[in-house]
Each structure stands twice: as C-alpha cells, then as structure tokens.
C-alpha cells in the first residue's frame, strides 16, 4: 500500500512517538519501557486546523540514531518541524534543513495533545482503529502492515475521486514485488519489540 517514490510531507509537520499494540492493561510498565508494545514514530502535516498526510515507522527506541533517518526520509527539507522536548530531536535544532520548533510539555501546564494536537489526534485515531478493527491487539510482527494500511486510508480521506481508491490500490499491487505469505510468517521484523 506504500507507493514507491511518494512525496515527502511538507509545510508544517508535527512529529512524536507512541507505543502501539499489545494488550491494554492497568498493571505493568506503561509508555517508555513497555515490553508488549512497539514504539512508532508518527509525522503529520498540519494544514491550519486540518490534518494532512501522515507517515509511520516502527523504531527500536527514540534515539537520534532512529529519529533522524525517519525525519530525513519522510519530511521535505525547508519544512517547519514541531516536536516535544525529547532529546532525540535535538538534531533538528542544529540542522539547516529544517526549521525546528520545540514545544516542551514538562512545566508548560499543558498536555501533549494540546501542544501537538494534529499528531496526537492521528495517534488517537490509529489506536481507536486498532481497538475497533483488531480487537485491541496486534502482533508486533505484522504491525508495519497495519500502519501502512492505516496511512493509505488516512491519506486518502479527502479524495474527491473515491472510486480511484480501489484503482490506486490495484495499481500499487501490480507495481510492487510480491511477498509470499511464508516469507511474512517466517520473518520477524528487525525493529519490532
């Protein structure tokens, strides 16, 4: 469902990470350090109060080594990138390729979804979709495919030609090399938790 050579996000883009998957429980470690969930970095275009296109990637941890390649491959140079105060994004402030705005949550008196509303709305919708469609649990082994499907659907939500969705999906299917089911089942994604 991911078109090769697709355009990068541009303009104003919010970026944040979230833990996705696993079983929601009240016990055990939540958030950073959770063992049953996968860390996903999310980038969202901000078009005024509207949400534009989205990008997702599973990463092993929220370090600069993992966040930098995602930003480079997903966001057009010259874009305004808005993040929280996480140190993994410090490279953006030093970069000449992006205009970085840091909205530090700690001590601001505001919640993350108030400071980064677009990306947190997408994360919320993704989690709701997983809860509703997949009964709240997805295997880290297949999470990348679920994220691709969600992005495909989300990025076409405002399409004026709804009939083209099936056409575009079929177009992608014939231009993408096949991945046999046995390879999917036997391959554990390297960056899964």
N, C-alpha and C. Protein backbone atom coordinates (compact mmCIF):
# COMPACT_ATOMS: atom_id res chain seq x y z
N UNK A 1 0.81 -1.20 0.00
CA UNK A 1 0.00 0.00 0.00
C UNK A 1 0.85 1.27 0.00
N UNK A 2 2.15 1.12 0.13
CA UNK A 2 3.03 2.28 0.13
C UNK A 2 3.59 2.48 -1.27
N UNK A 3 3.31 3.62 -1.86
CA UNK A 3 3.77 3.93 -3.21
C UNK A 3 5.25 4.29 -3.16
N UNK A 4 6.05 3.62 -3.97
CA UNK A 4 7.47 3.93 -4.05
C UNK A 4 7.65 5.33 -4.64
N UNK A 5 8.56 6.11 -4.08
CA UNK A 5 8.82 7.45 -4.58
C UNK A 5 7.75 8.47 -4.22
N UNK A 6 6.95 8.18 -3.20
CA UNK A 6 5.90 9.12 -2.82
C UNK A 6 6.51 10.41 -2.30
N UNK A 7 5.74 11.49 -2.40
CA UNK A 7 6.21 12.80 -1.97
C UNK A 7 6.36 12.83 -0.46
N UNK A 8 7.35 13.57 -0.02
CA UNK A 8 7.57 13.72 1.43
C UNK A 8 6.55 14.71 1.99
N UNK A 9 6.35 14.66 3.30
CA UNK A 9 5.49 15.63 3.97
C UNK A 9 6.18 16.99 3.89
N UNK A 10 5.39 18.05 3.85
CA UNK A 10 5.97 19.39 3.73
C UNK A 10 5.13 20.40 4.48
N UNK A 11 5.64 21.65 4.54
CA UNK A 11 4.94 22.71 5.27
C UNK A 11 5.23 22.59 6.75
N UNK A 12 4.18 22.63 7.54
CA UNK A 12 4.31 22.46 8.99
C UNK A 12 4.01 21.01 9.32
N UNK A 13 4.93 20.35 10.03
CA UNK A 13 4.80 18.93 10.34
C UNK A 13 5.04 18.71 11.82
N UNK A 14 4.12 18.03 12.49
CA UNK A 14 4.31 17.64 13.89
C UNK A 14 4.84 16.21 13.92
N UNK A 15 5.80 15.95 14.82
CA UNK A 15 6.38 14.62 14.95
C UNK A 15 6.39 14.23 16.42
N UNK A 16 5.98 12.99 16.70
CA UNK A 16 6.02 12.46 18.06
C UNK A 16 6.03 10.94 17.97
N UNK A 17 6.26 10.28 19.09
CA UNK A 17 6.25 8.83 19.13
C UNK A 17 5.14 8.36 20.04
N UNK A 18 4.73 7.09 19.84
CA UNK A 18 3.70 6.48 20.68
C UNK A 18 3.95 4.98 20.72
N UNK A 19 3.51 4.36 21.79
CA UNK A 19 3.57 2.91 21.89
C UNK A 19 2.25 2.35 21.38
N UNK A 20 2.35 1.40 20.43
CA UNK A 20 1.18 0.85 19.76
C UNK A 20 1.19 -0.66 19.91
N UNK A 21 -0.01 -1.24 20.03
CA UNK A 21 -0.16 -2.69 20.06
C UNK A 21 -0.18 -3.23 21.46
N UNK A 22 -0.05 -4.55 21.55
CA UNK A 22 -0.09 -5.19 22.86
C UNK A 22 -1.47 -5.15 23.46
N UNK A 23 -1.61 -5.66 24.65
CA UNK A 23 -2.88 -5.66 25.35
C UNK A 23 -2.88 -4.51 26.34
N UNK A 24 -3.94 -3.70 26.34
CA UNK A 24 -4.06 -2.61 27.30
C UNK A 24 -4.30 -3.19 28.68
N UNK A 25 -3.41 -2.91 29.62
CA UNK A 25 -3.57 -3.39 30.98
C UNK A 25 -3.31 -2.25 31.95
N UNK A 26 -3.80 -2.41 33.14
CA UNK A 26 -3.56 -1.40 34.18
C UNK A 26 -2.31 -1.73 34.97
N UNK A 27 -1.79 -2.94 34.80
CA UNK A 27 -0.59 -3.34 35.53
C UNK A 27 0.60 -3.35 34.59
N UNK A 28 1.76 -3.37 35.14
CA UNK A 28 2.96 -3.42 34.31
C UNK A 28 3.39 -2.03 33.87
N UNK A 29 4.54 -1.97 33.25
CA UNK A 29 5.11 -0.70 32.79
C UNK A 29 4.32 -0.16 31.61
N UNK A 30 3.97 1.11 31.69
CA UNK A 30 3.24 1.79 30.61
C UNK A 30 4.21 2.76 29.94
N UNK A 31 3.91 3.17 28.69
CA UNK A 31 4.73 4.17 27.99
C UNK A 31 6.12 3.67 27.70
N UNK A 32 7.12 4.53 27.86
CA UNK A 32 8.51 4.14 27.56
C UNK A 32 8.91 2.96 28.44
N UNK A 33 9.41 1.93 27.82
CA UNK A 33 9.82 0.74 28.54
C UNK A 33 8.79 -0.36 28.54
N UNK A 34 7.62 -0.14 27.96
CA UNK A 34 6.60 -1.18 27.86
C UNK A 34 7.15 -2.33 27.03
N UNK A 35 6.92 -3.56 27.48
CA UNK A 35 7.51 -4.71 26.82
C UNK A 35 6.64 -5.29 25.70
N UNK A 36 5.33 -5.12 25.76
CA UNK A 36 4.44 -5.75 24.79
C UNK A 36 4.09 -4.84 23.63
N UNK A 37 4.52 -3.61 23.65
CA UNK A 37 4.13 -2.66 22.62
C UNK A 37 5.33 -2.29 21.76
N UNK A 38 5.04 -1.77 20.59
CA UNK A 38 6.09 -1.31 19.67
C UNK A 38 6.10 0.20 19.65
N UNK A 39 7.28 0.77 19.61
CA UNK A 39 7.43 2.21 19.53
C UNK A 39 7.30 2.64 18.07
N UNK A 40 6.38 3.56 17.82
CA UNK A 40 6.11 4.04 16.47
C UNK A 40 6.30 5.55 16.45
N UNK A 41 7.09 6.04 15.50
CA UNK A 41 7.23 7.48 15.32
C UNK A 41 6.22 7.89 14.25
N UNK A 42 5.54 9.02 14.52
CA UNK A 42 4.45 9.50 13.67
C UNK A 42 4.74 10.92 13.23
N UNK A 43 4.56 11.20 11.95
CA UNK A 43 4.68 12.56 11.43
C UNK A 43 3.37 12.92 10.75
N UNK A 44 2.90 14.14 11.00
CA UNK A 44 1.61 14.59 10.49
C UNK A 44 1.73 15.99 9.92
N UNK A 45 1.24 16.18 8.70
CA UNK A 45 1.17 17.52 8.12
C UNK A 45 0.07 18.31 8.80
N UNK A 46 0.35 19.58 9.06
CA UNK A 46 -0.64 20.47 9.68
C UNK A 46 -1.04 21.50 8.63
N UNK A 47 -2.30 21.50 8.26
CA UNK A 47 -2.82 22.46 7.29
C UNK A 47 -3.87 23.28 8.02
N UNK A 48 -3.39 24.33 8.71
CA UNK A 48 -4.28 25.09 9.59
C UNK A 48 -4.72 24.19 10.72
N UNK A 49 -6.03 24.06 10.91
CA UNK A 49 -6.55 23.16 11.94
C UNK A 49 -6.79 21.76 11.39
N UNK A 50 -6.59 21.57 10.09
CA UNK A 50 -6.81 20.27 9.47
C UNK A 50 -5.54 19.43 9.50
N UNK A 51 -5.74 18.12 9.41
CA UNK A 51 -4.63 17.18 9.36
C UNK A 51 -4.45 16.76 7.91
N UNK A 52 -3.21 16.87 7.43
CA UNK A 52 -2.89 16.45 6.07
C UNK A 52 -2.49 14.99 6.04
N UNK A 53 -1.42 14.70 5.32
CA UNK A 53 -0.94 13.32 5.19
C UNK A 53 -0.16 12.89 6.43
N UNK A 54 0.02 11.57 6.58
CA UNK A 54 0.73 11.02 7.73
C UNK A 54 1.79 10.03 7.28
N UNK A 55 2.77 9.81 8.14
CA UNK A 55 3.80 8.78 7.94
C UNK A 55 4.05 8.10 9.29
N UNK A 56 4.33 6.79 9.23
CA UNK A 56 4.61 5.99 10.42
C UNK A 56 5.87 5.17 10.19
N UNK A 57 6.57 4.88 11.29
CA UNK A 57 7.69 3.93 11.22
C UNK A 57 7.91 3.35 12.60
N UNK A 58 8.10 2.04 12.64
CA UNK A 58 8.43 1.36 13.89
C UNK A 58 9.93 1.56 14.13
N UNK A 59 10.27 1.95 15.36
CA UNK A 59 11.67 2.16 15.71
C UNK A 59 11.97 1.41 17.01
N UNK A 60 13.22 0.96 17.20
CA UNK A 60 13.55 0.23 18.43
C UNK A 60 13.58 1.12 19.66
N UNK A 61 13.99 2.39 19.49
CA UNK A 61 14.00 3.34 20.60
C UNK A 61 13.96 4.75 20.02
N UNK A 62 13.69 5.73 20.88
CA UNK A 62 13.52 7.11 20.42
C UNK A 62 14.83 7.89 20.49
N UNK A 63 15.88 7.30 19.96
CA UNK A 63 17.18 7.97 19.95
C UNK A 63 17.35 8.73 18.64
N UNK A 64 18.29 9.64 18.61
CA UNK A 64 18.60 10.39 17.39
C UNK A 64 18.93 9.44 16.25
N UNK A 65 19.62 8.34 16.54
CA UNK A 65 20.01 7.37 15.51
C UNK A 65 18.80 6.80 14.78
N UNK A 66 17.65 6.73 15.44
CA UNK A 66 16.44 6.20 14.82
C UNK A 66 15.50 7.29 14.31
N UNK A 67 15.47 8.43 14.99
CA UNK A 67 14.57 9.51 14.58
C UNK A 67 15.09 10.27 13.36
N UNK A 68 16.41 10.46 13.27
CA UNK A 68 16.99 11.21 12.16
C UNK A 68 16.66 10.59 10.79
N UNK A 69 16.88 9.28 10.60
CA UNK A 69 16.55 8.70 9.29
C UNK A 69 15.06 8.82 8.94
N UNK A 70 14.20 8.69 9.95
CA UNK A 70 12.76 8.84 9.71
C UNK A 70 12.43 10.24 9.22
N UNK A 71 12.95 11.25 9.90
CA UNK A 71 12.68 12.64 9.51
C UNK A 71 13.22 12.90 8.10
N UNK A 72 14.45 12.45 7.82
CA UNK A 72 15.05 12.67 6.51
C UNK A 72 14.26 12.00 5.39
N UNK A 73 13.73 10.81 5.64
CA UNK A 73 13.01 10.08 4.59
C UNK A 73 11.54 10.49 4.48
N UNK A 74 11.02 11.19 5.47
CA UNK A 74 9.58 11.49 5.48
C UNK A 74 9.24 12.96 5.30
N UNK A 75 10.17 13.87 5.61
CA UNK A 75 9.85 15.30 5.63
C UNK A 75 10.76 16.07 4.68
N UNK A 76 10.14 16.89 3.86
CA UNK A 76 10.85 17.71 2.88
C UNK A 76 11.73 18.74 3.58
N UNK A 77 12.93 18.95 3.04
CA UNK A 77 13.82 19.99 3.58
C UNK A 77 13.13 21.34 3.46
N UNK A 78 13.35 22.21 4.44
CA UNK A 78 12.73 23.53 4.47
C UNK A 78 11.41 23.56 5.21
N UNK A 79 10.94 22.41 5.67
CA UNK A 79 9.67 22.34 6.41
C UNK A 79 9.85 22.80 7.84
N UNK A 80 8.76 23.23 8.45
CA UNK A 80 8.72 23.57 9.87
C UNK A 80 8.36 22.31 10.63
N UNK A 81 9.26 21.82 11.48
CA UNK A 81 9.03 20.59 12.23
C UNK A 81 8.80 20.94 13.70
N UNK A 82 7.66 20.51 14.23
CA UNK A 82 7.29 20.78 15.62
C UNK A 82 7.39 19.47 16.40
N UNK A 83 8.13 19.48 17.50
CA UNK A 83 8.29 18.30 18.34
C UNK A 83 8.11 18.69 19.81
N UNK A 84 8.10 17.66 20.66
CA UNK A 84 8.09 17.92 22.10
C UNK A 84 9.54 18.11 22.56
N UNK A 85 9.78 18.13 23.80
CA UNK A 85 11.13 18.41 24.32
C UNK A 85 12.04 17.20 24.39
N UNK A 86 11.70 16.11 23.73
CA UNK A 86 12.51 14.90 23.80
C UNK A 86 13.88 15.14 23.18
N UNK A 87 14.94 14.70 23.85
CA UNK A 87 16.32 14.96 23.42
C UNK A 87 16.68 14.28 22.10
N UNK A 88 15.95 13.27 21.72
CA UNK A 88 16.21 12.59 20.46
C UNK A 88 16.01 13.48 19.24
N UNK A 89 15.30 14.60 19.44
CA UNK A 89 15.04 15.53 18.33
C UNK A 89 16.02 16.71 18.31
N UNK A 90 17.02 16.71 19.18
CA UNK A 90 17.97 17.83 19.24
C UNK A 90 18.67 18.09 17.91
N UNK A 91 18.82 17.06 17.09
CA UNK A 91 19.48 17.24 15.79
C UNK A 91 18.74 18.23 14.90
N UNK A 92 17.44 18.36 15.10
CA UNK A 92 16.65 19.29 14.27
C UNK A 92 17.04 20.74 14.52
N UNK A 93 17.33 21.08 15.77
CA UNK A 93 17.72 22.46 16.10
C UNK A 93 19.06 22.83 15.47
N UNK A 94 19.92 21.82 15.27
CA UNK A 94 21.25 22.06 14.70
C UNK A 94 21.24 21.98 13.17
N UNK A 95 20.16 21.47 12.61
CA UNK A 95 20.09 21.24 11.17
C UNK A 95 19.71 22.51 10.41
N UNK A 96 20.34 22.70 9.27
CA UNK A 96 19.98 23.81 8.38
C UNK A 96 18.85 23.42 7.45
N UNK A 97 18.49 22.14 7.45
CA UNK A 97 17.47 21.64 6.52
C UNK A 97 16.04 21.83 7.01
N UNK A 98 15.88 22.06 8.32
CA UNK A 98 14.54 22.16 8.89
C UNK A 98 14.46 23.35 9.84
N UNK A 99 13.27 23.91 9.95
CA UNK A 99 13.00 24.94 10.96
C UNK A 99 12.35 24.20 12.13
N UNK A 100 13.05 24.12 13.25
CA UNK A 100 12.58 23.32 14.38
C UNK A 100 11.92 24.19 15.43
N UNK A 101 10.71 23.79 15.82
CA UNK A 101 10.01 24.43 16.94
C UNK A 101 9.80 23.36 17.99
N UNK A 102 10.33 23.61 19.16
CA UNK A 102 10.24 22.66 20.26
C UNK A 102 9.18 23.15 21.25
N UNK A 103 8.19 22.33 21.51
CA UNK A 103 7.15 22.65 22.48
C UNK A 103 7.31 21.71 23.66
N UNK A 104 8.01 22.19 24.68
CA UNK A 104 8.31 21.37 25.85
C UNK A 104 7.04 21.19 26.68
N UNK A 105 6.68 19.95 26.92
CA UNK A 105 5.45 19.64 27.65
C UNK A 105 5.67 19.81 29.15
N UNK A 106 6.79 19.29 29.64
CA UNK A 106 7.09 19.35 31.07
C UNK A 106 7.20 20.81 31.54
N UNK A 107 6.39 21.17 32.50
CA UNK A 107 6.42 22.51 33.07
C UNK A 107 5.59 23.53 32.31
N UNK A 108 4.97 23.13 31.20
CA UNK A 108 4.18 24.09 30.42
C UNK A 108 2.77 24.26 30.98
N UNK A 109 2.33 23.29 31.79
CA UNK A 109 0.97 23.34 32.32
C UNK A 109 -0.05 22.82 31.31
N UNK A 110 0.43 22.33 30.17
CA UNK A 110 -0.47 21.80 29.13
C UNK A 110 -0.16 20.34 28.88
N UNK A 111 -1.15 19.66 28.32
CA UNK A 111 -0.98 18.26 27.97
C UNK A 111 -0.37 18.16 26.57
N UNK A 112 0.19 16.99 26.26
CA UNK A 112 0.82 16.78 24.95
C UNK A 112 -0.17 17.00 23.82
N UNK A 113 -1.41 16.55 24.00
CA UNK A 113 -2.39 16.71 22.92
C UNK A 113 -2.83 18.17 22.73
N UNK A 114 -2.52 19.04 23.66
CA UNK A 114 -2.80 20.46 23.48
C UNK A 114 -1.66 21.16 22.73
N UNK A 115 -0.43 20.72 22.98
CA UNK A 115 0.72 21.34 22.33
C UNK A 115 0.98 20.77 20.93
N UNK A 116 0.68 19.51 20.73
CA UNK A 116 0.86 18.85 19.43
C UNK A 116 -0.48 18.19 19.04
N UNK A 117 -1.49 19.00 18.75
CA UNK A 117 -2.84 18.44 18.55
C UNK A 117 -3.00 17.55 17.32
N UNK A 118 -2.33 17.87 16.23
CA UNK A 118 -2.52 17.11 15.00
C UNK A 118 -1.98 15.69 15.12
N UNK A 119 -0.73 15.57 15.56
CA UNK A 119 -0.11 14.25 15.65
C UNK A 119 -0.79 13.41 16.73
N UNK A 120 -1.24 14.03 17.81
CA UNK A 120 -1.91 13.26 18.86
C UNK A 120 -3.30 12.83 18.45
N UNK A 121 -3.96 13.58 17.57
CA UNK A 121 -5.25 13.15 17.03
C UNK A 121 -5.04 11.93 16.15
N UNK A 122 -3.99 11.94 15.33
CA UNK A 122 -3.70 10.78 14.46
C UNK A 122 -3.38 9.55 15.31
N UNK A 123 -2.57 9.71 16.34
CA UNK A 123 -2.24 8.60 17.23
C UNK A 123 -3.51 8.05 17.89
N UNK A 124 -4.38 8.94 18.34
CA UNK A 124 -5.64 8.52 18.95
C UNK A 124 -6.51 7.76 17.95
N UNK A 125 -6.62 8.27 16.72
CA UNK A 125 -7.42 7.59 15.70
C UNK A 125 -6.82 6.23 15.33
N UNK A 126 -5.49 6.16 15.27
CA UNK A 126 -4.83 4.89 14.99
C UNK A 126 -5.13 3.86 16.07
N UNK A 127 -5.00 4.27 17.33
CA UNK A 127 -5.28 3.35 18.44
C UNK A 127 -6.74 2.93 18.45
N UNK A 128 -7.63 3.85 18.15
CA UNK A 128 -9.07 3.53 18.10
C UNK A 128 -9.35 2.56 16.96
N UNK A 129 -8.70 2.76 15.81
CA UNK A 129 -8.86 1.86 14.67
C UNK A 129 -8.37 0.46 15.02
N UNK A 130 -7.21 0.37 15.67
CA UNK A 130 -6.68 -0.93 16.07
C UNK A 130 -7.61 -1.59 17.08
N UNK A 131 -8.13 -0.80 18.01
CA UNK A 131 -9.03 -1.36 19.02
C UNK A 131 -10.32 -1.86 18.38
N UNK A 132 -10.86 -1.08 17.45
CA UNK A 132 -12.12 -1.46 16.82
C UNK A 132 -11.98 -2.56 15.78
N UNK A 133 -10.98 -2.46 14.92
CA UNK A 133 -10.81 -3.41 13.83
C UNK A 133 -10.10 -4.69 14.27
N UNK A 134 -9.11 -4.56 15.11
CA UNK A 134 -8.29 -5.70 15.50
C UNK A 134 -8.50 -6.11 16.96
N UNK A 135 -9.59 -5.66 17.54
CA UNK A 135 -9.96 -6.01 18.91
C UNK A 135 -8.90 -5.63 19.94
N UNK A 136 -8.14 -4.57 19.64
CA UNK A 136 -7.21 -4.01 20.61
C UNK A 136 -5.85 -4.65 20.67
N UNK A 137 -5.62 -5.69 19.89
CA UNK A 137 -4.30 -6.34 19.96
C UNK A 137 -3.81 -6.62 18.55
N UNK A 138 -2.59 -6.19 18.29
CA UNK A 138 -1.93 -6.51 17.03
C UNK A 138 -0.54 -7.04 17.35
N UNK A 139 -0.12 -7.99 16.57
CA UNK A 139 1.20 -8.57 16.77
C UNK A 139 2.26 -7.61 16.25
N UNK A 140 3.34 -7.41 17.00
CA UNK A 140 4.43 -6.57 16.51
C UNK A 140 4.96 -7.05 15.16
N UNK A 141 4.84 -8.36 14.91
CA UNK A 141 5.32 -8.95 13.68
C UNK A 141 4.61 -8.37 12.46
N UNK A 142 3.33 -8.02 12.59
CA UNK A 142 2.54 -7.53 11.46
C UNK A 142 2.19 -6.04 11.58
N UNK A 143 2.65 -5.39 12.62
CA UNK A 143 2.26 -4.00 12.86
C UNK A 143 2.63 -3.09 11.69
N UNK A 144 3.77 -3.30 11.06
CA UNK A 144 4.17 -2.45 9.94
C UNK A 144 3.10 -2.45 8.84
N UNK A 145 2.51 -3.62 8.59
CA UNK A 145 1.48 -3.72 7.55
C UNK A 145 0.19 -3.00 7.97
N UNK A 146 -0.15 -3.08 9.25
CA UNK A 146 -1.33 -2.36 9.74
C UNK A 146 -1.11 -0.85 9.62
N UNK A 147 0.09 -0.40 9.93
CA UNK A 147 0.41 1.03 9.83
C UNK A 147 0.33 1.50 8.38
N UNK A 148 0.82 0.68 7.45
CA UNK A 148 0.72 1.02 6.03
C UNK A 148 -0.73 1.13 5.59
N UNK A 149 -1.56 0.20 6.05
CA UNK A 149 -2.98 0.25 5.67
C UNK A 149 -3.65 1.50 6.24
N UNK A 150 -3.38 1.80 7.50
CA UNK A 150 -3.99 2.98 8.11
C UNK A 150 -3.55 4.25 7.37
N UNK A 151 -2.25 4.35 7.06
CA UNK A 151 -1.75 5.53 6.34
C UNK A 151 -2.39 5.63 4.96
N UNK A 152 -2.53 4.51 4.26
CA UNK A 152 -3.16 4.50 2.94
C UNK A 152 -4.57 5.06 3.02
N UNK A 153 -5.34 4.56 3.97
CA UNK A 153 -6.73 5.02 4.13
C UNK A 153 -6.78 6.48 4.57
N UNK A 154 -5.96 6.82 5.57
CA UNK A 154 -5.98 8.18 6.13
C UNK A 154 -5.57 9.21 5.09
N UNK A 155 -4.53 8.93 4.33
CA UNK A 155 -4.03 9.89 3.36
C UNK A 155 -4.98 10.11 2.19
N UNK A 156 -5.98 9.28 2.08
CA UNK A 156 -6.96 9.42 1.00
C UNK A 156 -8.35 9.78 1.52
N UNK A 157 -8.41 10.23 2.75
CA UNK A 157 -9.71 10.53 3.37
C UNK A 157 -10.45 11.66 2.68
N UNK A 158 -9.73 12.60 2.10
CA UNK A 158 -10.34 13.76 1.47
C UNK A 158 -10.35 13.65 -0.06
N UNK A 159 -10.08 12.46 -0.57
CA UNK A 159 -10.02 12.27 -2.02
C UNK A 159 -11.36 12.64 -2.66
N UNK A 160 -11.29 13.46 -3.70
CA UNK A 160 -12.53 13.87 -4.38
C UNK A 160 -13.00 12.78 -5.33
N UNK A 161 -12.12 11.86 -5.67
CA UNK A 161 -12.49 10.75 -6.54
C UNK A 161 -12.41 9.45 -5.76
N UNK A 162 -13.43 9.16 -4.97
CA UNK A 162 -13.42 8.00 -4.10
C UNK A 162 -13.26 6.69 -4.88
N UNK A 163 -13.75 6.65 -6.12
CA UNK A 163 -13.62 5.45 -6.93
C UNK A 163 -12.18 5.14 -7.29
N UNK A 164 -11.31 6.13 -7.21
CA UNK A 164 -9.90 5.92 -7.55
C UNK A 164 -9.15 5.17 -6.45
N UNK A 165 -9.73 5.07 -5.25
CA UNK A 165 -9.03 4.38 -4.17
C UNK A 165 -8.74 2.94 -4.55
N UNK A 166 -9.75 2.24 -5.07
CA UNK A 166 -9.56 0.85 -5.47
C UNK A 166 -8.57 0.78 -6.62
N UNK A 167 -8.68 1.70 -7.57
CA UNK A 167 -7.78 1.76 -8.71
C UNK A 167 -6.34 1.94 -8.24
N UNK A 168 -6.11 2.89 -7.31
CA UNK A 168 -4.76 3.14 -6.80
C UNK A 168 -4.21 1.92 -6.06
N UNK A 169 -5.08 1.24 -5.30
CA UNK A 169 -4.66 0.04 -4.58
C UNK A 169 -4.23 -1.05 -5.57
N UNK A 170 -5.01 -1.23 -6.62
CA UNK A 170 -4.66 -2.23 -7.63
C UNK A 170 -3.39 -1.82 -8.39
N UNK A 171 -3.24 -0.54 -8.65
CA UNK A 171 -2.04 -0.03 -9.31
C UNK A 171 -0.81 -0.35 -8.46
N UNK A 172 -0.92 -0.15 -7.14
CA UNK A 172 0.18 -0.47 -6.23
C UNK A 172 0.46 -1.97 -6.22
N UNK A 173 -0.60 -2.75 -6.26
CA UNK A 173 -0.44 -4.21 -6.19
C UNK A 173 0.34 -4.75 -7.38
N UNK A 174 0.12 -4.20 -8.58
CA UNK A 174 0.81 -4.73 -9.76
C UNK A 174 2.21 -4.14 -9.93
N UNK A 175 2.52 -3.04 -9.26
CA UNK A 175 3.86 -2.44 -9.40
C UNK A 175 4.78 -2.81 -8.24
N UNK A 176 4.26 -3.50 -7.25
CA UNK A 176 5.05 -3.90 -6.09
C UNK A 176 5.39 -5.38 -6.18
N UNK A 177 6.62 -5.73 -5.91
CA UNK A 177 7.04 -7.13 -5.94
C UNK A 177 6.25 -7.93 -4.91
N UNK A 178 5.90 -9.17 -5.25
CA UNK A 178 5.12 -9.99 -4.31
C UNK A 178 5.95 -10.39 -3.09
N UNK A 179 5.27 -10.57 -1.98
CA UNK A 179 5.88 -11.06 -0.76
C UNK A 179 5.07 -12.27 -0.33
N UNK A 180 5.56 -13.47 -0.61
CA UNK A 180 4.80 -14.69 -0.29
C UNK A 180 4.46 -14.77 1.19
N UNK A 181 3.31 -15.36 1.48
CA UNK A 181 2.82 -15.49 2.84
C UNK A 181 3.84 -16.20 3.73
N UNK A 182 4.52 -17.23 3.21
CA UNK A 182 5.50 -17.94 4.04
C UNK A 182 6.64 -17.02 4.47
N UNK A 183 7.01 -16.05 3.62
CA UNK A 183 8.06 -15.09 3.99
C UNK A 183 7.58 -14.14 5.07
N UNK A 184 6.31 -13.75 4.99
CA UNK A 184 5.75 -12.85 6.01
C UNK A 184 5.72 -13.58 7.35
N UNK A 185 5.27 -14.82 7.35
CA UNK A 185 5.15 -15.58 8.59
C UNK A 185 6.50 -15.94 9.19
N UNK A 186 7.50 -16.17 8.33
CA UNK A 186 8.82 -16.60 8.83
C UNK A 186 9.75 -15.44 9.15
N UNK A 187 9.35 -14.24 8.79
CA UNK A 187 10.22 -13.08 9.01
C UNK A 187 9.77 -12.29 10.21
N UNK A 188 10.63 -12.15 11.17
CA UNK A 188 10.36 -11.26 12.30
C UNK A 188 10.99 -9.92 11.96
N UNK A 189 10.20 -8.85 11.97
CA UNK A 189 10.74 -7.53 11.64
C UNK A 189 11.87 -7.17 12.60
N UNK A 190 12.96 -6.71 12.04
CA UNK A 190 14.16 -6.43 12.82
C UNK A 190 13.93 -5.36 13.87
N UNK A 191 13.01 -4.43 13.60
CA UNK A 191 12.81 -3.34 14.54
C UNK A 191 11.56 -3.52 15.38
N UNK A 192 11.02 -4.73 15.45
CA UNK A 192 9.87 -5.00 16.31
C UNK A 192 10.34 -5.22 17.73
N UNK A 193 9.46 -4.93 18.66
CA UNK A 193 9.75 -5.15 20.06
C UNK A 193 9.30 -6.54 20.42
